[in-house]
Amino acid sequence: MSLVTAILAETETVNARELPIEPFFYGLIAFSIFIVLAFVAASYRDVANRHRAKAEAYAARHGGDAHAGH
């Protein structure tokens, strides 16, 4: 048993794969990506109302109810 403890005491755990940047920056990069995606998603907000005249003309031509066939 003393041989095993001596070997374990002499061996040092070495992390073979070190991160190229600090872990904090991985979170910062992920957060930045989510913010950019949120702005992209928000840019599509209210797109249907940008062309209200076209929507009203389409509704008038097709019976007035946009969800009639569904």
PDB file of N, CA and C in Angstrom:
ATOM      1  N   MET A   1       0.816  -1.184   0.000  1.00  0.00           N
ATOM      2  CA  MET A   1       0.000   0.000   0.000  1.00  0.00           C
ATOM      3  C   MET A   1       0.863   1.252   0.000  1.00  0.00           C
ATOM      4  N   SER A   2       2.012   1.200   0.589  1.00  0.00           N
ATOM      5  CA  SER A   2       2.858   2.386   0.636  1.00  0.00           C
ATOM      6  C   SER A   2       3.434   2.706  -0.740  1.00  0.00           C
ATOM      7  N   LEU A   3       3.635   1.701  -1.588  1.00  0.00           N
ATOM      8  CA  LEU A   3       4.117   1.943  -2.946  1.00  0.00           C
ATOM      9  C   LEU A   3       3.074   2.703  -3.758  1.00  0.00           C
ATOM     10  N   VAL A   4       1.804   2.342  -3.609  1.00  0.00           N
ATOM     11  CA  VAL A   4       0.724   3.009  -4.336  1.00  0.00           C
ATOM     12  C   VAL A   4       0.602   4.458  -3.877  1.00  0.00           C
ATOM     13  N   THR A   5       0.669   4.696  -2.586  1.00  0.00           N
ATOM     14  CA  THR A   5       0.562   6.065  -2.099  1.00  0.00           C
ATOM     15  C   THR A   5       1.770   6.891  -2.513  1.00  0.00           C
ATOM     16  N   ALA A   6       2.939   6.272  -2.593  1.00  0.00           N
ATOM     17  CA  ALA A   6       4.136   6.990  -3.029  1.00  0.00           C
ATOM     18  C   ALA A   6       4.020   7.373  -4.503  1.00  0.00           C
ATOM     19  N   ILE A   7       3.499   6.483  -5.303  1.00  0.00           N
ATOM     20  CA  ILE A   7       3.331   6.767  -6.734  1.00  0.00           C
ATOM     21  C   ILE A   7       2.278   7.855  -6.929  1.00  0.00           C
ATOM     22  N   LEU A   8       1.184   7.761  -6.177  1.00  0.00           N
ATOM     23  CA  LEU A   8       0.142   8.781  -6.291  1.00  0.00           C
ATOM     24  C   LEU A   8       0.633  10.139  -5.804  1.00  0.00           C
ATOM     25  N   ALA A   9       1.481  10.156  -4.826  1.00  0.00           N
ATOM     26  CA  ALA A   9       2.014  11.411  -4.318  1.00  0.00           C
ATOM     27  C   ALA A   9       2.974  12.045  -5.313  1.00  0.00           C
ATOM     28  N   GLU A  10       3.691  11.236  -6.056  1.00  0.00           N
ATOM     29  CA  GLU A  10       4.668  11.754  -7.012  1.00  0.00           C
ATOM     30  C   GLU A  10       4.027  12.209  -8.318  1.00  0.00           C
ATOM     31  N   THR A  11       2.927  11.578  -8.680  1.00  0.00           N
ATOM     32  CA  THR A  11       2.290  11.960  -9.941  1.00  0.00           C
ATOM     33  C   THR A  11       1.539  13.262  -9.758  1.00  0.00           C
ATOM     34  N   GLU A  12       1.627  14.058 -10.744  1.00  0.00           N
ATOM     35  CA  GLU A  12       0.962  15.355 -10.714  1.00  0.00           C
ATOM     36  C   GLU A  12      -0.093  15.363 -11.802  1.00  0.00           C
ATOM     37  N   THR A  13      -1.275  15.810 -11.490  1.00  0.00           N
ATOM     38  CA  THR A  13      -2.324  15.866 -12.511  1.00  0.00           C
ATOM     39  C   THR A  13      -2.061  17.069 -13.403  1.00  0.00           C
ATOM     40  N   VAL A  14      -1.940  16.793 -14.666  1.00  0.00           N
ATOM     41  CA  VAL A  14      -1.682  17.835 -15.651  1.00  0.00           C
ATOM     42  C   VAL A  14      -2.883  17.915 -16.577  1.00  0.00           C
ATOM     43  N   ASN A  15      -3.391  19.115 -16.747  1.00  0.00           N
ATOM     44  CA  ASN A  15      -4.502  19.313 -17.665  1.00  0.00           C
ATOM     45  C   ASN A  15      -3.930  19.339 -19.078  1.00  0.00           C
ATOM     46  N   ALA A  16      -4.225  18.314 -19.853  1.00  0.00           N
ATOM     47  CA  ALA A  16      -3.652  18.198 -21.183  1.00  0.00           C
ATOM     48  C   ALA A  16      -4.244  19.208 -22.153  1.00  0.00           C
ATOM     49  N   ARG A  17      -5.463  19.623 -21.892  1.00  0.00           N
ATOM     50  CA  ARG A  17      -6.120  20.570 -22.797  1.00  0.00           C
ATOM     51  C   ARG A  17      -6.470  21.835 -22.025  1.00  0.00           C
ATOM     52  N   GLU A  18      -5.727  22.854 -22.253  1.00  0.00           N
ATOM     53  CA  GLU A  18      -6.027  24.124 -21.618  1.00  0.00           C
ATOM     54  C   GLU A  18      -6.877  24.960 -22.556  1.00  0.00           C
ATOM     55  N   LEU A  19      -7.728  25.774 -21.989  1.00  0.00           N
ATOM     56  CA  LEU A  19      -8.595  26.618 -22.793  1.00  0.00           C
ATOM     57  C   LEU A  19      -7.783  27.743 -23.428  1.00  0.00           C
ATOM     58  N   PRO A  20      -8.076  28.083 -24.663  1.00  0.00           N
ATOM     59  CA  PRO A  20      -7.314  29.157 -25.319  1.00  0.00           C
ATOM     60  C   PRO A  20      -7.602  30.541 -24.743  1.00  0.00           C
ATOM     61  N   ILE A  21      -8.793  30.728 -24.154  1.00  0.00           N
ATOM     62  CA  ILE A  21      -9.133  31.995 -23.512  1.00  0.00           C
ATOM     63  C   ILE A  21      -9.744  31.695 -22.151  1.00  0.00           C
ATOM     64  N   GLU A  22      -9.898  32.709 -21.354  1.00  0.00           N
ATOM     65  CA  GLU A  22     -10.484  32.539 -20.028  1.00  0.00           C
ATOM     66  C   GLU A  22     -11.950  32.119 -20.151  1.00  0.00           C
ATOM     67  N   PRO A  23     -12.450  31.307 -19.223  1.00  0.00           N
ATOM     68  CA  PRO A  23     -13.848  30.858 -19.294  1.00  0.00           C
ATOM     69  C   PRO A  23     -14.862  31.998 -19.288  1.00  0.00           C
ATOM     70  N   PHE A  24     -14.546  33.097 -18.640  1.00  0.00           N
ATOM     71  CA  PHE A  24     -15.449  34.247 -18.616  1.00  0.00           C
ATOM     72  C   PHE A  24     -15.756  34.735 -20.021  1.00  0.00           C
ATOM     73  N   PHE A  25     -14.777  34.713 -20.902  1.00  0.00           N
ATOM     74  CA  PHE A  25     -14.965  35.226 -22.248  1.00  0.00           C
ATOM     75  C   PHE A  25     -15.857  34.320 -23.097  1.00  0.00           C
ATOM     76  N   TYR A  26     -15.902  33.026 -22.792  1.00  0.00           N
ATOM     77  CA  TYR A  26     -16.843  32.150 -23.490  1.00  0.00           C
ATOM     78  C   TYR A  26     -18.281  32.577 -23.191  1.00  0.00           C
ATOM     79  N   GLY A  27     -18.549  32.889 -21.946  1.00  0.00           N
ATOM     80  CA  GLY A  27     -19.874  33.381 -21.580  1.00  0.00           C
ATOM     81  C   GLY A  27     -20.175  34.721 -22.217  1.00  0.00           C
ATOM     82  N   LEU A  28     -19.183  35.597 -22.270  1.00  0.00           N
ATOM     83  CA  LEU A  28     -19.360  36.912 -22.884  1.00  0.00           C
ATOM     84  C   LEU A  28     -19.637  36.784 -24.389  1.00  0.00           C
ATOM     85  N   ILE A  29     -18.953  35.890 -25.042  1.00  0.00           N
ATOM     86  CA  ILE A  29     -19.174  35.664 -26.483  1.00  0.00           C
ATOM     87  C   ILE A  29     -20.571  35.088 -26.718  1.00  0.00           C
ATOM     88  N   ALA A  30     -20.965  34.107 -25.907  1.00  0.00           N
ATOM     89  CA  ALA A  30     -22.301  33.522 -26.055  1.00  0.00           C
ATOM     90  C   ALA A  30     -23.383  34.567 -25.802  1.00  0.00           C
ATOM     91  N   PHE A  31     -23.193  35.394 -24.767  1.00  0.00           N
ATOM     92  CA  PHE A  31     -24.163  36.443 -24.465  1.00  0.00           C
ATOM     93  C   PHE A  31     -24.262  37.434 -25.620  1.00  0.00           C
ATOM     94  N   SER A  32     -23.129  37.785 -26.222  1.00  0.00           N
ATOM     95  CA  SER A  32     -23.123  38.714 -27.363  1.00  0.00           C
ATOM     96  C   SER A  32     -23.870  38.128 -28.545  1.00  0.00           C
ATOM     97  N   ILE A  33     -23.671  36.852 -28.795  1.00  0.00           N
ATOM     98  CA  ILE A  33     -24.366  36.200 -29.906  1.00  0.00           C
ATOM     99  C   ILE A  33     -25.876  36.211 -29.660  1.00  0.00           C
ATOM    100  N   PHE A  34     -26.296  35.931 -28.426  1.00  0.00           N
ATOM    101  CA  PHE A  34     -27.730  35.949 -28.119  1.00  0.00           C
ATOM    102  C   PHE A  34     -28.316  37.344 -28.256  1.00  0.00           C
ATOM    103  N   ILE A  35     -27.565  38.370 -27.897  1.00  0.00           N
ATOM    104  CA  ILE A  35     -28.048  39.742 -28.048  1.00  0.00           C
ATOM    105  C   ILE A  35     -28.228  40.077 -29.524  1.00  0.00           C
ATOM    106  N   VAL A  36     -27.264  39.685 -30.348  1.00  0.00           N
ATOM    107  CA  VAL A  36     -27.376  39.936 -31.791  1.00  0.00           C
ATOM    108  C   VAL A  36     -28.586  39.199 -32.364  1.00  0.00           C
ATOM    109  N   LEU A  37     -28.786  37.951 -31.960  1.00  0.00           N
ATOM    110  CA  LEU A  37     -29.945  37.200 -32.440  1.00  0.00           C
ATOM    111  C   LEU A  37     -31.257  37.814 -31.950  1.00  0.00           C
ATOM    112  N   ALA A  38     -31.253  38.392 -30.761  1.00  0.00           N
ATOM    113  CA  ALA A  38     -32.454  39.067 -30.263  1.00  0.00           C
ATOM    114  C   ALA A  38     -32.778  40.293 -31.111  1.00  0.00           C
ATOM    115  N   PHE A  39     -31.743  41.037 -31.518  1.00  0.00           N
ATOM    116  CA  PHE A  39     -31.988  42.192 -32.389  1.00  0.00           C
ATOM    117  C   PHE A  39     -32.496  41.747 -33.760  1.00  0.00           C
ATOM    118  N   VAL A  40     -31.991  40.646 -34.260  1.00  0.00           N
ATOM    119  CA  VAL A  40     -32.478  40.133 -35.546  1.00  0.00           C
ATOM    120  C   VAL A  40     -33.941  39.712 -35.423  1.00  0.00           C
ATOM    121  N   ALA A  41     -34.273  39.019 -34.344  1.00  0.00           N
ATOM    122  CA  ALA A  41     -35.667  38.602 -34.144  1.00  0.00           C
ATOM    123  C   ALA A  41     -36.579  39.815 -33.948  1.00  0.00           C
ATOM    124  N   ALA A  42     -36.103  40.817 -33.234  1.00  0.00           N
ATOM    125  CA  ALA A  42     -36.913  42.013 -32.995  1.00  0.00           C
ATOM    126  C   ALA A  42     -37.103  42.827 -34.268  1.00  0.00           C
ATOM    127  N   SER A  43     -36.192  42.688 -35.218  1.00  0.00           N
ATOM    128  CA  SER A  43     -36.331  43.454 -36.453  1.00  0.00           C
ATOM    129  C   SER A  43     -37.497  42.948 -37.302  1.00  0.00           C
ATOM    130  N   TYR A  44     -37.945  41.725 -37.053  1.00  0.00           N
ATOM    131  CA  TYR A  44     -39.087  41.182 -37.789  1.00  0.00           C
ATOM    132  C   TYR A  44     -40.413  41.490 -37.111  1.00  0.00           C
ATOM    133  N   ARG A  45     -40.370  42.226 -36.020  1.00  0.00           N
ATOM    134  CA  ARG A  45     -41.587  42.560 -35.282  1.00  0.00           C
ATOM    135  C   ARG A  45     -42.460  43.495 -36.120  1.00  0.00           C
ATOM    136  N   ASP A  46     -43.702  43.180 -36.183  1.00  0.00           N
ATOM    137  CA  ASP A  46     -44.699  44.014 -36.856  1.00  0.00           C
ATOM    138  C   ASP A  46     -44.455  44.160 -38.360  1.00  0.00           C
ATOM    139  N   VAL A  47     -43.870  43.153 -38.976  1.00  0.00           N
ATOM    140  CA  VAL A  47     -43.608  43.200 -40.416  1.00  0.00           C
ATOM    141  C   VAL A  47     -44.913  43.170 -41.201  1.00  0.00           C
ATOM    142  N   ALA A  48     -45.898  42.463 -40.705  1.00  0.00           N
ATOM    143  CA  ALA A  48     -47.166  42.347 -41.431  1.00  0.00           C
ATOM    144  C   ALA A  48     -47.887  43.682 -41.530  1.00  0.00           C
ATOM    145  N   ASN A  49     -47.683  44.556 -40.584  1.00  0.00           N
ATOM    146  CA  ASN A  49     -48.385  45.834 -40.602  1.00  0.00           C
ATOM    147  C   ASN A  49     -47.663  46.907 -41.413  1.00  0.00           C
ATOM    148  N   ARG A  50     -46.539  46.612 -41.962  1.00  0.00           N
ATOM    149  CA  ARG A  50     -45.819  47.601 -42.762  1.00  0.00           C
ATOM    150  C   ARG A  50     -46.541  47.881 -44.076  1.00  0.00           C
ATOM    151  N   HIS A  51     -47.266  46.902 -44.564  1.00  0.00           N
ATOM    152  CA  HIS A  51     -47.973  47.047 -45.831  1.00  0.00           C
ATOM    153  C   HIS A  51     -49.463  46.844 -45.589  1.00  0.00           C
ATOM    154  N   ARG A  52     -50.022  47.697 -44.775  1.00  0.00           N
ATOM    155  CA  ARG A  52     -51.414  47.558 -44.376  1.00  0.00           C
ATOM    156  C   ARG A  52     -52.350  47.664 -45.582  1.00  0.00           C
ATOM    157  N   ALA A  53     -52.021  48.537 -46.538  1.00  0.00           N
ATOM    158  CA  ALA A  53     -52.891  48.695 -47.707  1.00  0.00           C
ATOM    159  C   ALA A  53     -52.925  47.409 -48.526  1.00  0.00           C
ATOM    160  N   LYS A  54     -51.791  46.762 -48.678  1.00  0.00           N
ATOM    161  CA  LYS A  54     -51.757  45.497 -49.416  1.00  0.00           C
ATOM    162  C   LYS A  54     -52.547  44.423 -48.681  1.00  0.00           C
ATOM    163  N   ALA A  55     -52.424  44.381 -47.362  1.00  0.00           N
ATOM    164  CA  ALA A  55     -53.143  43.377 -46.583  1.00  0.00           C
ATOM    165  C   ALA A  55     -54.641  43.590 -46.668  1.00  0.00           C
ATOM    166  N   GLU A  56     -55.066  44.841 -46.613  1.00  0.00           N
ATOM    167  CA  GLU A  56     -56.502  45.134 -46.706  1.00  0.00           C
ATOM    168  C   GLU A  56     -57.037  44.824 -48.098  1.00  0.00           C
ATOM    169  N   ALA A  57     -56.250  45.114 -49.136  1.00  0.00           N
ATOM    170  CA  ALA A  57     -56.673  44.804 -50.502  1.00  0.00           C
ATOM    171  C   ALA A  57     -56.767  43.295 -50.701  1.00  0.00           C
ATOM    172  N   TYR A  58     -55.823  42.558 -50.151  1.00  0.00           N
ATOM    173  CA  TYR A  58     -55.848  41.091 -50.253  1.00  0.00           C
ATOM    174  C   TYR A  58     -57.072  40.542 -49.521  1.00  0.00           C
ATOM    175  N   ALA A  59     -57.344  41.074 -48.340  1.00  0.00           N
ATOM    176  CA  ALA A  59     -58.494  40.604 -47.574  1.00  0.00           C
ATOM    177  C   ALA A  59     -59.797  40.910 -48.301  1.00  0.00           C
ATOM    178  N   ALA A  60     -59.858  42.058 -48.974  1.00  0.00           N
ATOM    179  CA  ALA A  60     -61.071  42.418 -49.709  1.00  0.00           C
ATOM    180  C   ALA A  60     -61.269  41.489 -50.909  1.00  0.00           C
ATOM    181  N   ARG A  61     -60.174  41.115 -51.571  1.00  0.00           N
ATOM    182  CA  ARG A  61     -60.286  40.225 -52.731  1.00  0.00           C
ATOM    183  C   ARG A  61     -60.630  38.800 -52.340  1.00  0.00           C
ATOM    184  N   HIS A  62     -60.208  38.375 -51.162  1.00  0.00           N
ATOM    185  CA  HIS A  62     -60.349  36.962 -50.775  1.00  0.00           C
ATOM    186  C   HIS A  62     -61.353  36.750 -49.675  1.00  0.00           C
ATOM    187  N   GLY A  63     -62.346  37.538 -49.601  1.00  0.00           N
ATOM    188  CA  GLY A  63     -63.457  37.282 -48.680  1.00  0.00           C
ATOM    189  C   GLY A  63     -63.318  37.952 -47.329  1.00  0.00           C
ATOM    190  N   GLY A  64     -62.275  38.658 -47.054  1.00  0.00           N
ATOM    191  CA  GLY A  64     -62.172  39.411 -45.808  1.00  0.00           C
ATOM    192  C   GLY A  64     -61.638  38.668 -44.622  1.00  0.00           C
ATOM    193  N   ASP A  65     -61.745  37.361 -44.589  1.00  0.00           N
ATOM    194  CA  ASP A  65     -61.238  36.594 -43.436  1.00  0.00           C
ATOM    195  C   ASP A  65     -59.964  35.895 -43.853  1.00  0.00           C
ATOM    196  N   ALA A  66     -58.876  36.273 -43.250  1.00  0.00           N
ATOM    197  CA  ALA A  66     -57.573  35.715 -43.635  1.00  0.00           C
ATOM    198  C   ALA A  66     -57.444  34.256 -43.225  1.00  0.00           C
ATOM    199  N   HIS A  67     -58.210  33.819 -42.219  1.00  0.00           N
ATOM    200  CA  HIS A  67     -58.078  32.454 -41.728  1.00  0.00           C
ATOM    201  C   HIS A  67     -59.303  31.599 -42.024  1.00  0.00           C
ATOM    202  N   ALA A  68     -59.990  31.900 -43.076  1.00  0.00           N
ATOM    203  CA  ALA A  68     -61.244  31.217 -43.357  1.00  0.00           C
ATOM    204  C   ALA A  68     -61.027  29.748 -43.703  1.00  0.00           C
ATOM    205  N   GLY A  69     -59.970  29.412 -44.409  1.00  0.00           N
ATOM    206  CA  GLY A  69     -59.774  28.031 -44.851  1.00  0.00           C
ATOM    207  C   GLY A  69     -59.012  27.154 -43.900  1.00  0.00           C
ATOM    208  N   HIS A  70     -58.661  27.662 -42.739  1.00  0.00           N
ATOM    209  CA  HIS A  70     -57.786  26.895 -41.847  1.00  0.00           C
ATOM    210  C   HIS A  70     -58.546  26.271 -40.741  1.00  0.00           C
TER     211      HIS A  70
END
